[in-house]
């Protein structure tokens, strides 16, 4: 009796460093996180992602509110999760106490705490969302229309330039997170399990489907 030939197929997956590119088709493709992408690092990566979305969709008030709020929450949770996973690491509490004092002295990071609190307790109220359109009339009679930077003011929060200020805040928290990793407070596994299941289905004569074992 002849043995049935085993079916073979190709399934492509990627190993990701956690970077999320706004508008990229890669986000819809299968990808596993590399072990070095710890939870605090992933939170910072998410902040960069939402900052990109914020800049891309800044002319839309609903999107602006959503993305600012997301950045504020991910920024705050980056330090929360860092404290949690490093709680038992020797020397961490002394190091973090000093780092925390520096963060408390940073006016911008203080404003980020206020931003997160406002977002969670009463929601972001954009008391000013000003769109300005510029019409340029050239000598050759060509007319160009473009939007100028949006003026954004949040009730209860003082950010001079939301895009620039959020970028600086992410950079500051990123330095704290990376410093904790460099000092060895965060345990990074050498490897991790990556599960990929395959299901086999075949169409029945009546058009319905059933699972089967190809062996």
Protein backbone atom coordinates (compact mmCIF):
# COMPACT_ATOMS: atom_id res chain seq x y z
CA UNK A 1 0.00 0.00 0.00
CA UNK A 2 1.37 3.40 -0.97
CA UNK A 3 1.74 5.93 1.80
CA UNK A 4 -0.03 9.23 1.34
CA UNK A 5 2.44 12.03 0.72
CA UNK A 6 2.65 14.57 3.57
CA UNK A 7 1.40 18.03 2.63
CA UNK A 8 3.87 20.89 2.96
CA UNK A 9 3.26 24.61 2.95
CA UNK A 10 5.02 27.83 3.91
CA UNK A 11 3.90 30.14 6.71
CA UNK A 12 5.78 33.42 6.98
CA UNK A 13 6.16 35.19 10.32
CA UNK A 14 8.53 37.89 11.53
CA UNK A 15 10.34 38.72 14.75
CA UNK A 16 9.54 42.30 15.76
CA UNK A 17 11.43 44.78 17.93
CA UNK A 18 8.09 46.28 18.91
CA UNK A 19 8.27 49.27 16.58
CA UNK A 20 4.83 50.13 15.21
CA UNK A 21 4.87 52.23 12.05
CA UNK A 22 1.69 54.22 11.60
CA UNK A 23 0.02 53.38 8.31
CA UNK A 24 2.37 50.46 7.59
CA UNK A 25 0.97 47.31 5.97
CA UNK A 26 3.39 45.35 8.15
CA UNK A 27 1.02 45.78 11.09
CA UNK A 28 -1.42 43.37 9.48
CA UNK A 29 1.25 40.70 8.96
CA UNK A 30 2.07 37.91 11.47
CA UNK A 31 4.87 38.89 13.87
CA UNK A 32 6.20 37.73 17.24
CA UNK A 33 7.89 40.05 19.71
CA UNK A 34 11.59 39.53 20.38
CA UNK A 35 12.33 38.68 24.05
CA UNK A 36 14.22 41.98 24.50
CA UNK A 37 10.92 43.85 24.06
CA UNK A 38 9.95 43.95 27.72
CA UNK A 39 6.61 45.39 28.78
CA UNK A 40 8.02 48.84 29.72
CA UNK A 41 9.85 49.01 26.39
CA UNK A 42 6.66 48.03 24.57
CA UNK A 43 4.80 50.84 26.36
CA UNK A 44 7.36 53.36 25.11
CA UNK A 45 7.11 51.94 21.58
CA UNK A 46 3.34 52.42 21.79
CA UNK A 47 3.88 56.07 22.73
CA UNK A 48 5.95 56.64 19.58
CA UNK A 49 3.26 54.92 17.53
CA UNK A 50 0.49 57.15 18.85
CA UNK A 51 2.66 60.23 18.43
CA UNK A 52 3.03 59.36 14.74
CA UNK A 53 -0.72 58.86 14.47
CA UNK A 54 -1.27 62.17 16.26
CA UNK A 55 0.91 64.02 13.72
CA UNK A 56 -0.71 62.22 10.79
CA UNK A 57 -4.27 62.98 11.90
CA UNK A 58 -3.77 66.29 13.70
CA UNK A 59 -6.41 68.05 11.59
CA UNK A 60 -9.10 65.79 13.06
CA UNK A 61 -10.22 66.83 16.55
CA UNK A 62 -11.56 63.41 17.57
CA UNK A 63 -8.34 61.69 16.48
CA UNK A 64 -6.24 64.35 18.22
CA UNK A 65 -8.04 63.82 21.51
CA UNK A 66 -7.77 60.03 21.22
CA UNK A 67 -4.05 59.99 20.43
CA UNK A 68 -3.03 62.51 23.10
CA UNK A 69 -4.95 60.50 25.69
CA UNK A 70 -3.33 57.25 24.56
CA UNK A 71 0.17 58.73 24.82
CA UNK A 72 -0.51 60.04 28.32
CA UNK A 73 -1.73 56.65 29.54
CA UNK A 74 1.06 54.61 27.95
CA UNK A 75 3.70 57.01 29.31
CA UNK A 76 2.40 56.65 32.84
CA UNK A 77 2.03 52.87 32.63
CA UNK A 78 5.62 52.54 31.33
CA UNK A 79 6.97 53.57 34.74
CA UNK A 80 4.28 51.64 36.62
CA UNK A 81 5.16 48.39 34.87
CA UNK A 82 8.87 49.09 35.29
CA UNK A 83 8.40 49.32 39.05
CA UNK A 84 6.35 46.13 39.10
CA UNK A 85 8.74 43.88 37.17
CA UNK A 86 11.83 45.26 38.94
CA UNK A 87 10.34 45.20 42.44
CA UNK A 88 12.62 42.41 43.69
CA UNK A 89 15.76 43.42 41.77
CA UNK A 90 18.61 44.29 44.20
CA UNK A 91 19.30 48.02 44.25
CA UNK A 92 16.31 48.94 42.11
CA UNK A 93 14.34 50.83 44.75
CA UNK A 94 17.29 53.07 45.62
CA UNK A 95 17.97 53.74 41.96
CA UNK A 96 14.32 54.41 41.12
CA UNK A 97 13.86 56.73 44.08
CA UNK A 98 16.61 58.95 42.66
CA UNK A 99 15.19 58.69 39.14
CA UNK A 100 11.73 59.51 40.43
CA UNK A 101 12.99 62.65 42.17
CA UNK A 102 14.46 63.84 38.88
CA UNK A 103 11.18 63.15 37.08
CA UNK A 104 9.24 65.07 39.73
CA UNK A 105 11.51 68.08 39.18
CA UNK A 106 10.85 68.04 35.43
CA UNK A 107 8.01 70.54 34.71
CA UNK A 108 7.06 68.76 31.51
CA UNK A 109 6.77 65.33 33.15
CA UNK A 110 4.68 66.89 35.91
CA UNK A 111 2.36 68.15 33.21
CA UNK A 112 2.21 64.63 31.76
CA UNK A 113 0.96 63.33 35.12
CA UNK A 114 -1.68 66.05 35.10
CA UNK A 115 -2.58 65.17 31.50
CA UNK A 116 -3.10 61.52 32.42
CA UNK A 117 -5.17 62.42 35.51
CA UNK A 118 -7.35 64.81 33.54
CA UNK A 119 -7.84 62.26 30.75
CA UNK A 120 -8.90 59.51 33.15
CA UNK A 121 -11.01 61.53 35.57
CA UNK A 122 -12.94 63.92 33.35
CA UNK A 123 -11.67 63.40 29.82
CA UNK A 124 -9.69 65.74 27.62
CA UNK A 125 -11.49 68.99 26.92
CA UNK A 126 -9.92 70.78 23.97
CA UNK A 127 -10.87 74.36 24.79
CA UNK A 128 -9.10 75.41 21.62
CA UNK A 129 -8.72 73.48 18.39
CA UNK A 130 -7.93 76.08 15.78
CA UNK A 131 -7.61 75.24 12.12
CA UNK A 132 -5.98 77.81 9.89
CA UNK A 133 -5.99 77.60 6.09
CA UNK A 134 -3.51 79.49 3.96
CA UNK A 135 -4.27 80.37 0.32
CA UNK A 136 -1.19 81.24 -1.73
CA UNK A 137 -1.74 83.05 -5.05
CA UNK A 138 1.29 82.80 -7.33
CA UNK A 139 2.24 85.20 -10.12
CA UNK A 140 1.56 82.49 -12.70
CA UNK A 141 -2.06 82.44 -11.44
CA UNK A 142 -1.57 79.12 -9.68
CA UNK A 143 -3.41 78.92 -6.34
CA UNK A 144 -2.21 76.68 -3.52
CA UNK A 145 -4.20 75.78 -0.41
CA UNK A 146 -2.57 74.34 2.69
CA UNK A 147 -3.29 73.90 6.38
CA UNK A 148 -1.04 75.60 8.92
CA UNK A 149 -0.13 73.98 12.27
CA UNK A 150 -3.19 73.43 14.45
CA UNK A 151 -3.53 75.47 17.65
CA UNK A 152 -4.42 73.11 20.50
CA UNK A 153 -5.15 73.97 24.12
CA UNK A 154 -6.32 71.43 26.72
CA UNK A 155 -8.39 72.51 29.69
CA UNK A 156 -6.34 72.09 32.89
CA UNK A 157 -3.13 71.15 31.10
CA UNK A 158 -0.40 73.53 29.95
CA UNK A 159 1.41 72.37 26.82
CA UNK A 160 2.97 75.07 24.63
CA UNK A 161 3.43 72.77 21.65
CA UNK A 162 1.64 69.41 22.12
CA UNK A 163 3.62 67.58 19.42
CA UNK A 164 7.04 68.80 20.59
CA UNK A 165 6.17 68.47 24.29
CA UNK A 166 4.87 64.91 23.95
CA UNK A 167 7.98 63.96 21.98
CA UNK A 168 10.25 65.32 24.74
CA UNK A 169 8.24 63.51 27.41
CA UNK A 170 8.50 60.19 25.57
CA UNK A 171 12.26 60.68 25.21
CA UNK A 172 12.59 61.34 28.95
CA UNK A 173 10.64 58.24 29.99
CA UNK A 174 12.47 56.18 27.38
CA UNK A 175 15.80 57.14 28.98
CA UNK A 176 14.58 56.00 32.40
CA UNK A 177 13.35 52.67 31.00
CA UNK A 178 16.55 52.02 29.05
CA UNK A 179 18.72 52.98 32.03
CA UNK A 180 16.92 50.38 34.13
CA UNK A 181 17.64 47.76 31.48
CA UNK A 182 21.29 48.74 31.16
CA UNK A 183 21.76 48.49 34.93
CA UNK A 184 20.39 44.94 34.87
CA UNK A 185 17.24 45.57 36.91
CA UNK A 186 15.06 44.07 34.17
CA UNK A 187 15.39 40.35 33.54
CA UNK A 188 15.32 39.53 29.85
CA UNK A 189 14.66 35.87 28.97
CA UNK A 190 17.13 34.24 26.59
CA UNK A 191 14.22 32.91 24.57
CA UNK A 192 10.46 32.54 24.66
CA UNK A 193 7.92 30.13 23.23
CA UNK A 194 6.22 31.18 20.02
CA UNK A 195 3.06 29.24 19.30
CA UNK A 196 1.83 28.69 15.76
CA UNK A 197 -1.19 26.43 15.35
CA UNK A 198 -2.32 25.03 12.01
CA UNK A 199 -5.89 23.88 11.41
CA UNK A 200 -6.83 21.75 8.41
CA UNK A 201 -10.32 22.04 6.91
CA UNK A 202 -11.86 20.53 3.84
CA UNK A 203 -15.04 21.28 2.02
CA UNK A 204 -17.76 18.64 2.13
CA UNK A 205 -20.03 17.76 -0.84
CA UNK A 206 -22.83 19.89 0.63
CA UNK A 207 -20.60 22.97 0.72
CA UNK A 208 -20.05 22.94 4.47
CA UNK A 209 -16.60 22.58 6.10
CA UNK A 210 -15.08 20.03 8.46
CA UNK A 211 -11.77 19.81 10.31
CA UNK A 212 -9.55 16.84 9.52
CA UNK A 213 -6.18 15.36 10.40
CA UNK A 214 -3.91 15.26 7.32
CA UNK A 215 -1.72 12.49 8.75
